[in-house]
Amino acid sequence: MTSTSKDFLNEFHWLMDVLHNIDVGLVVLDLNLHIKLWNGFMQNHSAKTSADVLDECIFDVFPELPEAWFRRKLQSVTVLHNASFTTWEQRPYLFRFKNYRPVTGAAEHMYQNCTMLPLTDARGQVNHVCLIVYDVTEVAINRLQLQKANAQLHHISRTDGLTGLLNRKTWEQSLRHEFKRFQRYHHACSLIMFDIDHFKNINDSFGHTAGDEVIRRTAATLLEGLRDSDVAGRYGGEEFAVILVDTDATGARVVAERLRTRIEAASVPFEQHVINFTISLGIAELSPKITDSTMWIDTADRGLYNAKRSGRNQSSVYHL
């Protein structure tokens, strides 16, 4: 054997050693999708040796692979002679490998980015495709945790911590939006403003912790009776507000009375006590006479004032 041949064999052995031990997955497929190369990364994470998979169809070895999608991807590679890529955000993984990394132990599987490369022969014909599989679990988990944290912060910034309803700022944004929609489409829309009767007496008699429980119960009862399109918020203290989309004053009165009777029938157990309470409600349907969202609130507040002046535990529609 000549020195040139020996050098070639040494370099070839060195190259194969690198391909086998590199920290990415390498799989070479022929055009019949039979496996021709299976490196150490793939062997370690699949628990399948080269002897188990070489010359086998990849779908026989991994029947869970999305066959139709995979064939389309490979066809674009072989026909167009261009690389194709897929990220974990598009498809979390190509091969369902368990995740063993201690830092990202919360992940059940390995998140993967994949590259599909055309391999040409001496005549420039594509006769094999190389799959490169990257373990991006750490990046994916960090990104998902950041997205979750941002979603939580967004939720916190929009909601009232005690009740889970929209906070006043966010609810008022919805109110302005509905008012603008009314100006454009003139659809029926009503507003209910209500508060807890004699709430100061509850705080004075049982303490602020009991008052918080009463507010929470009121919010929970409110949410039970609303549609997905309705917008409820805690306006401040013991006062609440509800936007009823596509609802006239008559329909809003039905909603208000249903809520009022449910609250009247409810009770809040607190320590050795049972607290019963009621609410008073004011209703205002949007009309051309209402010129802005602030006036809409003022109109519903007038209805609330009338309900309280008339003895509380009732609802009142205010018409301009």
Protein backbone atom coordinates (compact mmCIF):
# COMPACT_ATOMS: atom_id res chain seq x y z
CA MET A 1 0.00 0.00 0.00
CA THR A 2 1.41 3.37 -1.01
CA SER A 3 1.90 6.21 1.44
CA THR A 4 -0.78 8.15 -0.44
CA SER A 5 -3.28 5.35 0.11
CA LYS A 6 -2.36 5.17 3.77
CA ASP A 7 -2.82 8.91 4.13
CA PHE A 8 -6.22 8.69 2.45
CA LEU A 9 -7.34 5.87 4.73
CA ASN A 10 -6.12 7.73 7.79
CA GLU A 11 -7.94 10.87 6.77
CA PHE A 12 -11.07 8.85 5.93
CA HIS A 13 -10.96 7.14 9.32
CA TRP A 14 -10.51 10.50 11.02
CA LEU A 15 -13.47 11.93 9.08
CA MET A 16 -15.71 9.02 9.98
CA ASP A 17 -14.68 9.32 13.61
CA VAL A 18 -15.71 12.99 13.60
CA LEU A 19 -19.04 12.22 11.91
CA HIS A 20 -19.76 9.47 14.41
CA ASN A 21 -18.97 11.52 17.51
CA ILE A 22 -20.19 14.97 16.54
CA ASP A 23 -22.91 16.33 18.85
CA VAL A 24 -25.58 16.52 16.15
CA GLY A 25 -27.59 13.78 14.52
CA LEU A 26 -26.52 12.69 11.04
CA VAL A 27 -28.69 10.42 8.93
CA VAL A 28 -28.15 9.70 5.24
CA LEU A 29 -31.07 8.29 3.23
CA ASP A 30 -31.17 7.01 -0.33
CA LEU A 31 -34.06 7.97 -2.59
CA ASN A 32 -36.01 4.92 -1.39
CA LEU A 33 -35.67 6.34 2.13
CA HIS A 34 -33.42 3.53 3.32
CA ILE A 35 -30.92 4.51 5.99
CA LYS A 36 -27.31 4.54 4.79
CA LEU A 37 -25.58 6.40 7.63
CA TRP A 38 -26.48 6.53 11.30
CA ASN A 39 -24.07 8.34 13.58
CA GLY A 40 -23.40 8.08 17.31
CA PHE A 41 -25.78 10.89 18.27
CA MET A 42 -28.69 9.09 16.63
CA GLN A 43 -27.62 5.78 18.12
CA ASN A 44 -27.31 7.16 21.65
CA HIS A 45 -30.67 8.93 21.66
CA SER A 46 -32.70 6.28 19.83
CA ALA A 47 -31.11 3.23 21.47
CA LYS A 48 -30.85 1.78 17.96
CA THR A 49 -27.42 0.81 16.65
CA SER A 50 -26.27 1.06 13.06
CA ALA A 51 -26.75 -2.69 12.75
CA ASP A 52 -30.41 -2.22 13.71
CA VAL A 53 -31.21 0.46 11.14
CA LEU A 54 -28.84 0.39 8.17
CA ASP A 55 -30.59 -0.45 4.89
CA GLU A 56 -33.97 -0.30 6.64
CA CYS A 57 -36.73 2.07 5.53
CA ILE A 58 -36.85 4.99 7.95
CA PHE A 59 -40.63 4.59 8.35
CA ASP A 60 -40.21 0.97 9.41
CA VAL A 61 -37.69 2.01 12.07
CA PHE A 62 -39.67 5.09 13.15
CA PRO A 63 -43.34 4.50 12.30
CA GLU A 64 -44.32 7.64 14.26
CA LEU A 65 -42.65 9.90 11.67
CA PRO A 66 -45.20 12.09 9.81
CA GLU A 67 -44.81 10.27 6.50
CA ALA A 68 -46.77 12.55 4.16
CA TRP A 69 -45.06 15.69 5.52
CA PHE A 70 -41.63 14.03 5.49
CA ARG A 71 -41.97 12.85 1.88
CA ARG A 72 -43.02 16.33 0.72
CA LYS A 73 -39.99 17.87 2.45
CA LEU A 74 -37.58 15.38 0.89
CA GLN A 75 -39.15 15.76 -2.54
CA SER A 76 -38.48 19.49 -2.51
CA VAL A 77 -34.86 18.78 -1.57
CA THR A 78 -34.27 16.20 -4.34
CA VAL A 79 -36.19 18.04 -7.08
CA LEU A 80 -34.99 21.58 -6.39
CA HIS A 81 -31.49 20.61 -5.18
CA ASN A 82 -31.97 22.99 -2.27
CA ALA A 83 -31.68 22.52 1.46
CA SER A 84 -34.86 22.48 3.55
CA PHE A 85 -35.21 23.45 7.18
CA THR A 86 -37.64 22.92 10.01
CA THR A 87 -37.49 24.46 13.47
CA TRP A 88 -38.83 23.30 16.81
CA GLU A 89 -41.38 26.13 16.68
CA GLN A 90 -42.85 24.66 13.47
CA ARG A 91 -42.57 21.04 14.61
CA PRO A 92 -41.21 20.33 18.12
CA TYR A 93 -39.23 17.31 16.95
CA LEU A 94 -38.71 15.00 14.00
CA PHE A 95 -37.52 12.01 16.02
CA ARG A 96 -39.23 11.53 19.37
CA PHE A 97 -36.18 11.27 21.62
CA LYS A 98 -36.42 11.56 25.39
CA ASN A 99 -34.73 14.57 26.96
CA TYR A 100 -31.97 13.69 29.40
CA ARG A 101 -30.39 17.10 29.90
CA PRO A 102 -30.41 18.03 33.61
CA VAL A 103 -30.81 21.77 32.97
CA THR A 104 -33.93 21.26 30.85
CA GLY A 105 -35.25 18.27 32.74
CA ALA A 106 -38.79 19.63 32.68
CA ALA A 107 -39.04 18.79 28.96
CA GLU A 108 -40.33 15.31 28.19
CA HIS A 109 -38.75 15.16 24.75
CA MET A 110 -35.84 16.68 22.89
CA TYR A 111 -36.73 19.79 20.90
CA GLN A 112 -35.07 19.67 17.50
CA ASN A 113 -34.14 21.83 14.55
CA CYS A 114 -33.58 19.83 11.39
CA THR A 115 -31.80 20.49 8.10
CA MET A 116 -32.27 18.35 4.99
CA LEU A 117 -29.43 18.56 2.47
CA PRO A 118 -29.26 17.11 -1.07
CA LEU A 119 -26.16 14.93 -1.67
CA THR A 120 -25.04 14.78 -5.29
CA ASP A 121 -22.87 12.24 -7.10
CA ALA A 122 -20.04 12.98 -9.56
CA ARG A 123 -22.60 13.72 -12.29
CA GLY A 124 -24.46 16.23 -10.15
CA GLN A 125 -27.44 13.95 -9.58
CA VAL A 126 -29.08 13.83 -6.17
CA ASN A 127 -29.08 10.24 -5.00
CA HIS A 128 -29.01 10.71 -1.24
CA VAL A 129 -30.36 13.14 1.33
CA CYS A 130 -28.62 14.05 4.58
CA LEU A 131 -30.65 14.84 7.68
CA ILE A 132 -28.93 16.95 10.32
CA VAL A 133 -30.69 16.93 13.70
CA TYR A 134 -29.82 19.59 16.27
CA ASP A 135 -30.74 19.33 19.94
CA VAL A 136 -32.16 22.77 20.80
CA THR A 137 -33.99 21.76 23.97
CA GLU A 138 -32.28 24.33 26.15
CA VAL A 139 -33.05 27.17 23.73
CA ALA A 140 -36.66 26.00 23.32
CA ILE A 141 -37.31 25.66 27.05
CA ASN A 142 -35.84 29.11 27.72
CA ARG A 143 -38.01 30.59 24.97
CA LEU A 144 -41.15 28.84 26.22
CA GLN A 145 -40.49 29.91 29.80
CA LEU A 146 -40.01 33.49 28.64
CA GLN A 147 -43.24 33.36 26.66
CA LYS A 148 -45.06 31.95 29.68
CA ALA A 149 -43.63 34.65 31.94
CA ASN A 150 -44.62 37.36 29.47
CA ALA A 151 -48.13 35.93 29.22
CA GLN A 152 -48.42 35.91 33.01
CA LEU A 153 -47.21 39.50 33.22
CA HIS A 154 -49.67 40.50 30.52
CA HIS A 155 -52.48 38.81 32.45
CA ILE A 156 -51.43 40.46 35.72
CA SER A 157 -51.30 43.88 34.07
CA ARG A 158 -54.87 43.47 32.79
CA THR A 159 -56.67 41.85 35.71
CA ASP A 160 -57.67 42.68 39.25
CA GLY A 161 -55.70 40.57 41.69
CA LEU A 162 -58.55 39.98 44.13
CA THR A 163 -61.32 38.98 41.71
CA GLY A 164 -59.67 37.95 38.45
CA LEU A 165 -61.92 40.39 36.59
CA LEU A 166 -60.48 43.01 34.28
CA ASN A 167 -58.97 45.91 36.17
CA ARG A 168 -60.41 49.38 35.71
CA LYS A 169 -57.86 50.56 33.14
CA THR A 170 -58.30 47.54 30.88
CA TRP A 171 -62.08 47.50 31.28
CA GLU A 172 -62.31 51.18 30.34
CA GLN A 173 -60.34 50.44 27.17
CA SER A 174 -63.02 47.88 26.27
CA LEU A 175 -65.72 50.42 27.08
CA ARG A 176 -64.18 52.98 24.71
CA HIS A 177 -63.89 50.30 22.03
CA GLU A 178 -67.57 49.38 22.35
CA PHE A 179 -68.57 53.03 22.25
CA LYS A 180 -66.66 53.50 18.99
CA ARG A 181 -68.30 50.39 17.57
CA PHE A 182 -71.70 51.82 18.44
CA GLN A 183 -70.88 55.07 16.67
CA ARG A 184 -69.97 53.12 13.56
CA TYR A 185 -72.54 50.30 13.50
CA HIS A 186 -75.29 51.52 15.90
CA HIS A 187 -75.71 48.08 17.44
CA ALA A 188 -77.52 47.70 20.76
CA CYS A 189 -75.19 47.76 23.76
CA SER A 190 -75.86 48.28 27.45
CA LEU A 191 -73.84 48.99 30.54
CA ILE A 192 -74.51 47.78 34.08
CA MET A 193 -72.84 49.48 37.03
CA PHE A 194 -73.46 47.93 40.43
CA ASP A 195 -72.04 47.81 43.92
CA ILE A 196 -72.50 45.90 47.17
CA ASP A 197 -75.10 47.37 49.49
CA HIS A 198 -73.86 48.57 52.90
CA PHE A 199 -70.36 47.24 52.19
CA LYS A 200 -68.83 49.51 54.85
CA ASN A 201 -70.98 47.79 57.47
CA ILE A 202 -69.60 44.41 56.37
CA ASN A 203 -66.04 45.64 56.81
CA ASP A 204 -66.84 47.27 60.14
CA SER A 205 -68.69 44.23 61.49
CA PHE A 206 -66.51 41.37 60.22
CA GLY A 207 -63.24 42.96 59.09
CA HIS A 208 -61.62 43.65 55.73
CA THR A 209 -60.75 39.99 55.16
CA ALA A 210 -64.45 39.19 55.26
CA GLY A 211 -65.07 42.12 52.91
CA ASP A 212 -62.57 40.64 50.46
CA GLU A 213 -64.42 37.31 50.56
CA VAL A 214 -67.69 39.07 49.78
CA ILE A 215 -66.07 40.86 46.82
CA ARG A 216 -64.64 37.56 45.53
CA ARG A 217 -68.01 35.83 45.82
CA THR A 218 -69.69 38.70 43.99
CA ALA A 219 -67.18 38.48 41.13
CA ALA A 220 -67.54 34.69 40.88
CA THR A 221 -71.34 34.92 40.78
CA LEU A 222 -71.09 37.63 38.14
CA LEU A 223 -68.87 35.53 35.89
CA GLU A 224 -71.14 32.48 36.15
CA GLY A 225 -73.96 34.29 34.37
CA LEU A 226 -72.10 36.09 31.58
CA ARG A 227 -71.62 35.26 27.91
CA ASP A 228 -68.18 35.12 26.32
CA SER A 229 -68.89 38.44 24.57
CA ASP A 230 -69.74 40.29 27.80
CA VAL A 231 -66.97 42.30 29.45
CA ALA A 232 -66.88 42.45 33.25
CA GLY A 233 -64.50 44.48 35.37
CA ARG A 234 -63.91 45.64 38.91
CA TYR A 235 -64.42 49.37 38.69
CA GLY A 236 -63.11 50.13 42.15
CA GLY A 237 -63.61 49.00 45.75
CA GLU A 238 -66.95 47.21 45.93
CA GLU A 239 -68.16 48.58 42.56
CA PHE A 240 -68.35 46.47 39.40
CA ALA A 241 -69.17 47.14 35.76
CA VAL A 242 -70.40 44.96 32.90
CA ILE A 243 -70.62 45.72 29.17
CA LEU A 244 -73.41 43.71 27.53
CA VAL A 245 -72.77 43.59 23.78
CA ASP A 246 -75.78 43.36 21.42
CA THR A 247 -78.14 43.83 24.37
CA ASP A 248 -80.77 46.53 24.79
CA ALA A 249 -81.99 47.93 28.11
CA THR A 250 -84.74 45.31 28.41
CA GLY A 251 -82.28 42.47 28.00
CA ALA A 252 -79.81 44.14 30.35
CA ARG A 253 -82.54 44.40 32.98
CA VAL A 254 -83.07 40.63 32.75
CA VAL A 255 -79.34 40.04 33.24
CA ALA A 256 -79.22 42.47 36.14
CA GLU A 257 -82.19 40.92 37.93
CA ARG A 258 -80.79 37.42 37.47
CA LEU A 259 -77.51 38.53 39.04
CA ARG A 260 -79.28 40.39 41.83
CA THR A 261 -81.40 37.39 42.86
CA ARG A 262 -78.39 35.07 42.79
CA ILE A 263 -76.43 37.40 45.04
CA GLU A 264 -79.39 37.77 47.40
CA ALA A 265 -79.65 33.98 47.69
CA ALA A 266 -75.92 33.51 48.24
CA SER A 267 -74.07 33.61 51.54
CA VAL A 268 -70.43 33.86 52.50
CA PRO A 269 -69.24 31.72 55.43
CA PHE A 270 -66.56 33.51 57.39
CA GLU A 271 -65.11 32.09 60.58
CA GLN A 272 -68.15 31.49 62.81
CA HIS A 273 -70.37 33.82 60.80
CA VAL A 274 -72.51 33.63 57.66
CA ILE A 275 -72.63 36.88 55.73
CA ASN A 276 -75.64 37.68 53.56
CA PHE A 277 -75.60 40.71 51.32
CA THR A 278 -77.31 42.35 48.35
CA ILE A 279 -76.39 44.56 45.41
CA SER A 280 -77.94 47.54 43.64
CA LEU A 281 -77.59 47.99 39.89
CA GLY A 282 -77.87 50.83 37.37
CA ILE A 283 -78.40 50.20 33.65
CA ALA A 284 -77.80 52.47 30.65
CA GLU A 285 -78.36 51.53 27.02
CA LEU A 286 -76.25 53.37 24.48
CA SER A 287 -78.09 55.97 22.43
CA PRO A 288 -77.14 58.91 20.19
CA LYS A 289 -77.72 61.19 23.19
CA ILE A 290 -74.68 59.66 24.91
CA THR A 291 -71.72 61.47 23.38
CA ASP A 292 -68.76 59.65 24.90
CA SER A 293 -67.84 56.70 27.10
CA THR A 294 -67.58 58.85 30.25
CA MET A 295 -71.15 60.01 29.76
CA TRP A 296 -72.19 56.38 29.33
CA ILE A 297 -70.72 55.55 32.76
CA ASP A 298 -72.37 58.61 34.30
CA THR A 299 -75.74 57.55 32.89
CA ALA A 300 -75.46 54.04 34.38
CA ASP A 301 -74.32 55.60 37.66
CA ARG A 302 -77.50 57.65 37.74
CA GLY A 303 -79.47 54.43 37.45
CA LEU A 304 -77.43 52.98 40.31
CA TYR A 305 -78.12 56.09 42.41
CA ASN A 306 -81.85 55.73 41.74
CA ALA A 307 -81.76 52.05 42.77
CA LYS A 308 -80.09 52.94 46.06
CA ARG A 309 -82.40 55.87 46.72
CA SER A 310 -85.40 53.61 46.15
CA GLY A 311 -84.33 51.17 48.86
CA ARG A 312 -81.39 49.15 47.43
CA ASN A 313 -81.39 45.49 46.33
CA GLN A 314 -82.93 46.39 43.00
CA SER A 315 -81.99 47.42 39.45
CA SER A 316 -82.89 50.65 37.69
CA VAL A 317 -82.69 51.62 34.02
CA TYR A 318 -81.79 55.25 33.38
CA HIS A 319 -82.91 56.85 30.12
CA LEU A 320 -81.65 60.22 28.94
